């Protein structure tokens, strides 16, 4: 079946691909009596994606565009307050519809804004980056950062639908594409060995297959989330690479003398470190670890850690949302394609993982 006619049914909402999405969106607008439509964009998607999107909407309703500055630095409650004020000034009410057109920052923040405005209005997500298509598109997580601590404030709430149109990827720079690829690699490592093996030689990937690869990635995440919508159990598998990866990302974000990392760049390091931990807990063998490390290092540039970086990174782990009763919980791979959750790891092993990464 060609991808443009495919739909994945997620928990209580559909994820439509390509042309199918616009048909579904326009049908939804016809069937629901909305009072008006607000499209939330950032400065990038306002310029590059909105001109493509607007002509495809069929409606007589008033459409208002709300733009905020692009970047993780603006994914905070201050931005939400500004948008709540604009929604109020422009006559937003309980029957308004919010459409979030953008990458993960836009869909996370826009979903949170919609979920909390007037105690919740309908919203639709249209992810425009590879990362947001394969990650933020599934699972109903909405929220913002608290200072440099990622996604500390938020809610689980589902959009009415998600529309994945891979044509938006033409506007995405190469480094952002690599960032999104990290989540696809993760999906293979935790759930589908055959899928992971498709990425072993990145130069051999025919990017005409990209639609199929994205589709499978979304399918994997959806299969996991459907079994555990509010992250009590299996869904924690999706945190592989993220326990250390998020701490690294936060540390590089808050330090002026460090170059800010893209999400996927930090997660790639996290996956190498957490694979090393998996190796030393006898969950994977040396060959599997070397395959993971070699593959990830062939795609992502090495990150340099000074000796005095490691301790503050470890301090940030305590804020990780997966922690329970003050204990840091890791999701580790138990052989490629399988996962084991709620694993505690001693600091010495984490330090050894950093040393190995640098070697």
Protein backbone atom coordinates (compact mmCIF):
# COMPACT_ATOMS: atom_id res chain seq x y z
CA UNK A 1 0.00 0.00 0.00
CA UNK A 2 1.51 3.38 -0.93
CA UNK A 3 2.42 5.43 2.10
CA UNK A 4 0.24 8.40 1.16
CA UNK A 5 -2.88 6.28 1.73
CA UNK A 6 -1.78 4.93 5.11
CA UNK A 7 -3.04 5.71 8.59
CA UNK A 8 -1.75 4.40 11.92
CA UNK A 9 -4.39 4.24 14.62
CA UNK A 10 -2.82 5.52 17.85
CA UNK A 11 -4.50 5.64 21.27
CA UNK A 12 -7.79 7.47 20.54
CA UNK A 13 -6.47 9.38 17.50
CA UNK A 14 -5.26 8.68 13.96
CA UNK A 15 -1.82 9.47 12.52
CA UNK A 16 -2.32 10.20 8.82
CA UNK A 17 0.50 10.21 6.28
CA UNK A 18 1.00 12.68 3.44
CA UNK A 19 -2.03 13.44 1.18
CA UNK A 20 -4.40 11.42 3.37
CA UNK A 21 -3.81 13.89 6.20
CA UNK A 22 -5.19 16.93 4.43
CA UNK A 23 -8.35 15.06 3.39
CA UNK A 24 -8.84 13.94 6.99
CA UNK A 25 -8.14 17.43 8.34
CA UNK A 26 -10.66 19.11 6.03
CA UNK A 27 -13.27 16.45 6.82
CA UNK A 28 -12.64 17.06 10.54
CA UNK A 29 -13.12 20.83 10.08
CA UNK A 30 -16.40 20.22 8.23
CA UNK A 31 -17.75 17.83 10.87
CA UNK A 32 -16.81 19.86 13.97
CA UNK A 33 -18.34 23.22 14.70
CA UNK A 34 -15.23 25.17 15.69
CA UNK A 35 -15.50 28.90 16.40
CA UNK A 36 -12.07 29.78 14.95
CA UNK A 37 -8.63 28.28 14.23
CA UNK A 38 -5.27 29.26 15.72
CA UNK A 39 -2.13 27.99 14.04
CA UNK A 40 0.91 27.99 16.33
CA UNK A 41 4.24 28.22 14.50
CA UNK A 42 7.79 29.23 15.33
CA UNK A 43 9.82 31.70 13.28
CA UNK A 44 11.20 28.86 11.10
CA UNK A 45 7.92 27.13 10.29
CA UNK A 46 6.17 30.46 9.76
CA UNK A 47 8.60 31.12 6.93
CA UNK A 48 9.15 27.64 5.47
CA UNK A 49 6.07 25.50 6.21
CA UNK A 50 3.06 27.78 6.66
CA UNK A 51 3.01 28.90 2.97
CA UNK A 52 2.71 25.22 1.94
CA UNK A 53 0.12 24.40 4.59
CA UNK A 54 -2.38 27.28 4.34
CA UNK A 55 -3.55 26.64 0.74
CA UNK A 56 -4.43 23.05 1.69
CA UNK A 57 -6.95 24.01 4.42
CA UNK A 58 -10.58 24.24 3.29
CA UNK A 59 -12.57 26.32 5.75
CA UNK A 60 -14.50 29.59 6.08
CA UNK A 61 -13.41 30.01 9.70
CA UNK A 62 -11.15 32.84 10.81
CA UNK A 63 -7.55 31.64 10.96
CA UNK A 64 -5.09 33.44 13.24
CA UNK A 65 -1.35 32.75 13.18
CA UNK A 66 0.57 32.83 16.48
CA UNK A 67 4.36 32.85 16.11
CA UNK A 68 7.11 32.52 18.72
CA UNK A 69 10.90 32.48 18.38
CA UNK A 70 12.40 29.16 17.26
CA UNK A 71 14.55 27.12 19.62
CA UNK A 72 14.56 25.01 22.78
CA UNK A 73 15.43 28.18 24.77
CA UNK A 74 11.83 29.41 24.17
CA UNK A 75 10.15 26.17 25.25
CA UNK A 76 9.13 27.61 28.60
CA UNK A 77 6.18 28.84 30.60
CA UNK A 78 6.88 32.49 29.64
CA UNK A 79 6.17 31.64 25.99
CA UNK A 80 2.96 29.86 27.07
CA UNK A 81 1.80 32.94 29.01
CA UNK A 82 2.34 35.11 25.94
CA UNK A 83 0.36 32.68 23.75
CA UNK A 84 -2.47 32.30 26.32
CA UNK A 85 -2.73 36.12 26.33
CA UNK A 86 -2.86 36.28 22.52
CA UNK A 87 -5.50 33.53 22.41
CA UNK A 88 -7.58 35.53 24.89
CA UNK A 89 -7.15 38.83 23.00
CA UNK A 90 -8.07 37.20 19.67
CA UNK A 91 -11.28 35.68 21.03
CA UNK A 92 -10.18 32.14 21.73
CA UNK A 93 -12.91 30.10 23.43
CA UNK A 94 -13.77 26.50 24.37
CA UNK A 95 -14.70 25.78 20.72
CA UNK A 96 -11.44 27.06 19.23
CA UNK A 97 -9.09 24.65 17.43
CA UNK A 98 -5.32 24.89 17.81
CA UNK A 99 -3.11 23.52 15.00
CA UNK A 100 0.56 23.10 15.93
CA UNK A 101 2.74 23.32 12.82
CA UNK A 102 6.39 22.73 13.63
CA UNK A 103 9.06 20.58 15.21
CA UNK A 104 9.00 19.04 18.68
CA UNK A 105 9.25 22.37 20.48
CA UNK A 106 6.12 23.64 18.70
CA UNK A 107 4.08 20.45 19.14
CA UNK A 108 5.14 19.95 22.79
CA UNK A 109 4.50 23.58 23.74
CA UNK A 110 1.45 24.07 21.52
CA UNK A 111 -0.13 20.88 22.86
CA UNK A 112 0.44 22.09 26.41
CA UNK A 113 -1.01 25.54 25.61
CA UNK A 114 -4.12 23.94 24.05
CA UNK A 115 -4.50 21.38 26.88
CA UNK A 116 -4.57 24.10 29.53
CA UNK A 117 -6.34 27.04 27.79
CA UNK A 118 -9.95 27.20 29.06
CA UNK A 119 -9.22 23.78 30.68
CA UNK A 120 -8.49 22.31 27.28
CA UNK A 121 -9.35 22.94 23.63
CA UNK A 122 -8.97 20.59 20.67
CA UNK A 123 -5.60 20.51 18.94
CA UNK A 124 -4.01 18.87 15.91
CA UNK A 125 -0.27 18.29 15.50
CA UNK A 126 1.54 18.64 12.19
CA UNK A 127 5.20 17.77 12.86
CA UNK A 128 7.60 19.28 10.32
CA UNK A 129 11.00 17.87 11.36
CA UNK A 130 12.18 14.27 11.27
CA UNK A 131 12.56 14.26 15.07
CA UNK A 132 9.01 15.43 15.67
CA UNK A 133 7.57 13.02 13.08
CA UNK A 134 9.08 9.92 14.68
CA UNK A 135 9.03 11.08 18.31
CA UNK A 136 6.69 13.92 19.27
CA UNK A 137 3.95 12.70 16.88
CA UNK A 138 3.06 9.75 19.12
CA UNK A 139 2.19 9.51 22.75
CA UNK A 140 0.31 12.61 23.88
CA UNK A 141 3.18 14.15 25.87
CA UNK A 142 2.85 17.93 26.00
CA UNK A 143 4.97 20.28 28.05
CA UNK A 144 7.75 22.79 28.54
CA UNK A 145 11.16 23.01 30.14
CA UNK A 146 11.76 24.45 33.61
CA UNK A 147 14.95 26.45 33.28
CA UNK A 148 17.36 24.00 31.66
CA UNK A 149 15.55 20.91 32.93
CA UNK A 150 13.78 19.35 29.99
CA UNK A 151 10.03 18.68 29.96
CA UNK A 152 9.56 19.12 33.72
CA UNK A 153 6.12 20.75 33.37
CA UNK A 154 3.46 19.07 31.27
CA UNK A 155 0.45 16.82 30.79
CA UNK A 156 -0.54 13.69 28.93
CA UNK A 157 -3.25 14.75 26.48
CA UNK A 158 -4.00 13.51 22.98
CA UNK A 159 -4.46 15.53 19.80
CA UNK A 160 -7.51 14.98 17.60
CA UNK A 161 -5.14 13.77 14.89
CA UNK A 162 -1.54 13.93 13.74
CA UNK A 163 -0.63 14.67 10.14
CA UNK A 164 2.81 13.51 8.94
CA UNK A 165 3.72 15.07 5.58
CA UNK A 166 7.29 14.19 4.64
CA UNK A 167 7.39 17.02 2.06
CA UNK A 168 8.16 19.38 4.97
CA UNK A 169 11.51 17.61 5.40
CA UNK A 170 12.80 19.42 2.30
CA UNK A 171 13.13 22.51 4.50
CA UNK A 172 15.05 20.71 7.30
CA UNK A 173 18.85 21.15 7.51
CA UNK A 174 21.11 18.08 7.46
CA UNK A 175 22.10 18.29 11.14
CA UNK A 176 18.40 18.36 12.14
CA UNK A 177 17.76 15.30 9.96
CA UNK A 178 20.57 13.48 11.79
CA UNK A 179 19.04 14.56 15.09
CA UNK A 180 15.74 12.89 14.14
CA UNK A 181 17.54 9.80 12.91
CA UNK A 182 18.77 9.14 16.48
CA UNK A 183 15.20 8.35 17.61
CA UNK A 184 14.72 6.00 14.64
CA UNK A 185 17.94 4.17 15.56
CA UNK A 186 16.69 3.94 19.14
CA UNK A 187 13.41 2.37 18.00
CA UNK A 188 15.39 -0.37 16.26
CA UNK A 189 17.68 -0.95 19.24
CA UNK A 190 14.86 -1.31 21.75
CA UNK A 191 12.23 -3.11 19.66
CA UNK A 192 13.15 -4.33 16.17
CA UNK A 193 16.58 -5.74 15.36
CA UNK A 194 15.81 -6.02 11.63
CA UNK A 195 14.88 -2.33 11.52
CA UNK A 196 18.13 -1.41 13.34
CA UNK A 197 20.16 -3.43 10.82
CA UNK A 198 18.82 -1.30 7.96
CA UNK A 199 20.91 1.58 9.35
CA UNK A 200 24.23 -0.27 9.82
CA UNK A 201 25.64 1.22 6.62
CA UNK A 202 24.19 4.70 6.50
CA UNK A 203 25.76 5.37 3.07
CA UNK A 204 23.74 2.49 1.61
CA UNK A 205 20.35 3.85 2.67
CA UNK A 206 18.25 4.86 -0.28
CA UNK A 207 16.46 7.93 0.98
CA UNK A 208 13.63 7.17 -1.41
CA UNK A 209 12.86 4.63 1.34
CA UNK A 210 12.70 7.38 3.93
CA UNK A 211 8.90 7.38 3.99
CA UNK A 212 8.83 3.66 4.76
CA UNK A 213 11.51 4.03 7.45
CA UNK A 214 9.59 6.90 9.08
CA UNK A 215 6.36 4.92 8.90
CA UNK A 216 7.94 1.91 10.64
CA UNK A 217 9.49 4.15 13.30
CA UNK A 218 6.12 5.73 14.12
CA UNK A 219 4.56 2.25 14.11
CA UNK A 220 7.12 0.99 16.67
CA UNK A 221 6.63 3.93 19.01
CA UNK A 222 2.86 3.60 18.69
CA UNK A 223 2.94 -0.14 19.49
CA UNK A 224 4.87 0.63 22.69
CA UNK A 225 2.75 3.63 23.75
CA UNK A 226 -0.55 1.84 23.05
CA UNK A 227 0.41 -0.85 25.57
CA UNK A 228 1.36 1.73 28.24
CA UNK A 229 -0.06 5.23 27.56
CA UNK A 230 1.04 6.89 30.82
CA UNK A 231 4.52 5.38 31.19
CA UNK A 232 3.96 3.05 34.12
CA UNK A 233 5.88 0.17 32.58
CA UNK A 234 6.82 -0.79 29.01
CA UNK A 235 6.80 2.80 27.71
CA UNK A 236 9.89 3.46 29.82
CA UNK A 237 11.72 1.49 27.09
CA UNK A 238 11.58 4.68 25.01
CA UNK A 239 13.91 6.31 27.55
CA UNK A 240 16.88 4.26 26.35
CA UNK A 241 19.74 6.73 25.73
CA UNK A 242 17.70 9.52 27.29
CA UNK A 243 18.66 9.21 30.96
CA UNK A 244 22.25 10.30 30.28
CA UNK A 245 21.33 11.97 26.96
CA UNK A 246 18.92 14.46 28.55
CA UNK A 247 21.42 15.29 31.30
CA UNK A 248 24.12 15.94 28.68
CA UNK A 249 21.68 18.04 26.61
CA UNK A 250 20.68 20.13 29.66
CA UNK A 251 24.31 20.63 30.74
CA UNK A 252 25.39 21.82 27.29
CA UNK A 253 22.32 24.09 27.12
CA UNK A 254 23.07 25.89 30.39
CA UNK A 255 26.84 26.31 29.89
CA UNK A 256 27.90 29.34 27.88
CA UNK A 257 31.29 27.81 27.06
CA UNK A 258 29.63 24.76 25.45
CA UNK A 259 28.07 24.50 22.01
CA UNK A 260 24.39 23.65 22.45
CA UNK A 261 23.64 20.13 21.24
CA UNK A 262 20.65 19.09 19.19
CA UNK A 263 18.42 16.55 20.95
CA UNK A 264 19.48 13.66 18.72
CA UNK A 265 23.18 14.50 19.08
CA UNK A 266 22.90 14.22 22.87
CA UNK A 267 20.75 11.06 22.64
CA UNK A 268 23.32 9.41 20.34
CA UNK A 269 25.97 9.88 23.06
CA UNK A 270 23.47 8.64 25.65
CA UNK A 271 22.82 5.48 23.63
CA UNK A 272 26.56 4.71 23.36
CA UNK A 273 27.03 5.27 27.12
CA UNK A 274 23.97 3.24 28.06
CA UNK A 275 25.01 0.45 25.66
CA UNK A 276 28.36 0.33 27.49
CA UNK A 277 26.42 -0.01 30.76
CA UNK A 278 24.31 -2.77 29.16
CA UNK A 279 27.52 -4.55 28.16
CA UNK A 280 28.93 -4.41 31.68
CA UNK A 281 25.68 -5.68 33.14
CA UNK A 282 25.99 -8.67 30.78
CA UNK A 283 22.86 -7.70 28.84
CA UNK A 284 24.61 -7.42 25.46
CA UNK A 285 27.86 -8.92 24.20
CA UNK A 286 31.04 -7.21 23.01
CA UNK A 287 30.15 -7.63 19.31
CA UNK A 288 26.73 -6.02 19.81
CA UNK A 289 28.26 -3.14 21.75
CA UNK A 290 30.93 -2.54 19.10
CA UNK A 291 28.29 -2.58 16.37
CA UNK A 292 26.22 0.06 18.20
CA UNK A 293 29.20 2.26 19.04
CA UNK A 294 30.70 2.07 15.54
CA UNK A 295 27.38 2.77 13.82
CA UNK A 296 26.52 5.77 16.01
CA UNK A 297 30.04 7.24 15.84
CA UNK A 298 29.96 6.96 12.02
CA UNK A 299 26.87 9.20 11.94
CA UNK A 300 27.47 11.66 14.81
CA UNK A 301 30.48 13.82 15.61
CA UNK A 302 32.31 13.02 18.84
CA UNK A 303 31.42 15.27 21.78
CA UNK A 304 34.30 16.30 24.04
CA UNK A 305 33.83 16.09 27.79
CA UNK A 306 36.32 17.76 30.13
CA UNK A 307 37.02 16.14 33.47
CA UNK A 308 35.00 18.78 35.33
CA UNK A 309 31.94 18.24 33.06
CA UNK A 310 31.05 14.78 34.27
CA UNK A 311 30.06 15.52 37.87
CA UNK A 312 27.55 18.29 37.01
CA UNK A 313 26.07 15.97 34.35
CA UNK A 314 25.62 13.25 36.98
CA UNK A 315 24.04 15.83 39.33
CA UNK A 316 21.42 16.56 36.65
CA UNK A 317 20.36 12.89 36.57
CA UNK A 318 18.49 13.34 39.83
CA UNK A 319 15.94 15.59 38.04
CA UNK A 320 15.15 12.91 35.47
CA UNK A 321 11.39 12.30 35.36
CA UNK A 322 11.88 8.52 35.35
CA UNK A 323 13.32 8.62 38.86
CA UNK A 324 11.30 7.09 41.65
CA UNK A 325 11.96 7.52 45.36
CA UNK A 326 15.20 9.36 44.57
CA UNK A 327 16.66 6.41 42.63
CA UNK A 328 17.88 6.91 39.07
CA UNK A 329 16.20 4.40 36.77
CA UNK A 330 17.72 3.33 33.46
CA UNK A 331 16.16 1.53 30.50
CA UNK A 332 18.90 -0.70 29.10
CA UNK A 333 19.02 -2.94 26.04
CA UNK A 334 18.80 -6.65 26.75
CA UNK A 335 20.16 -7.83 23.42
CA UNK A 336 19.54 -5.69 20.31
CA UNK A 337 15.80 -5.33 19.79
CA UNK A 338 14.86 -5.92 23.43
CA UNK A 339 14.82 -3.77 26.55
CA UNK A 340 14.91 -4.11 30.33
CA UNK A 341 13.54 -1.25 32.47
CA UNK A 342 13.99 0.08 36.02
CA UNK A 343 17.71 -0.67 36.19
CA UNK A 344 19.86 1.08 38.79
CA UNK A 345 23.44 1.87 37.81
CA UNK A 346 26.31 2.78 40.14
CA UNK A 347 28.22 6.00 39.44
CA UNK A 348 31.50 4.20 38.87
CA UNK A 349 30.03 2.33 35.89
CA UNK A 350 28.69 5.61 34.45
CA UNK A 351 32.16 7.18 34.79
CA UNK A 352 33.70 4.18 33.05
CA UNK A 353 31.16 4.60 30.22
CA UNK A 354 32.28 8.22 29.73
CA UNK A 355 35.93 7.13 29.71
CA UNK A 356 35.18 4.46 27.13
CA UNK A 357 33.28 6.97 24.96
CA UNK A 358 36.27 9.32 24.96
CA UNK A 359 38.79 6.58 24.18
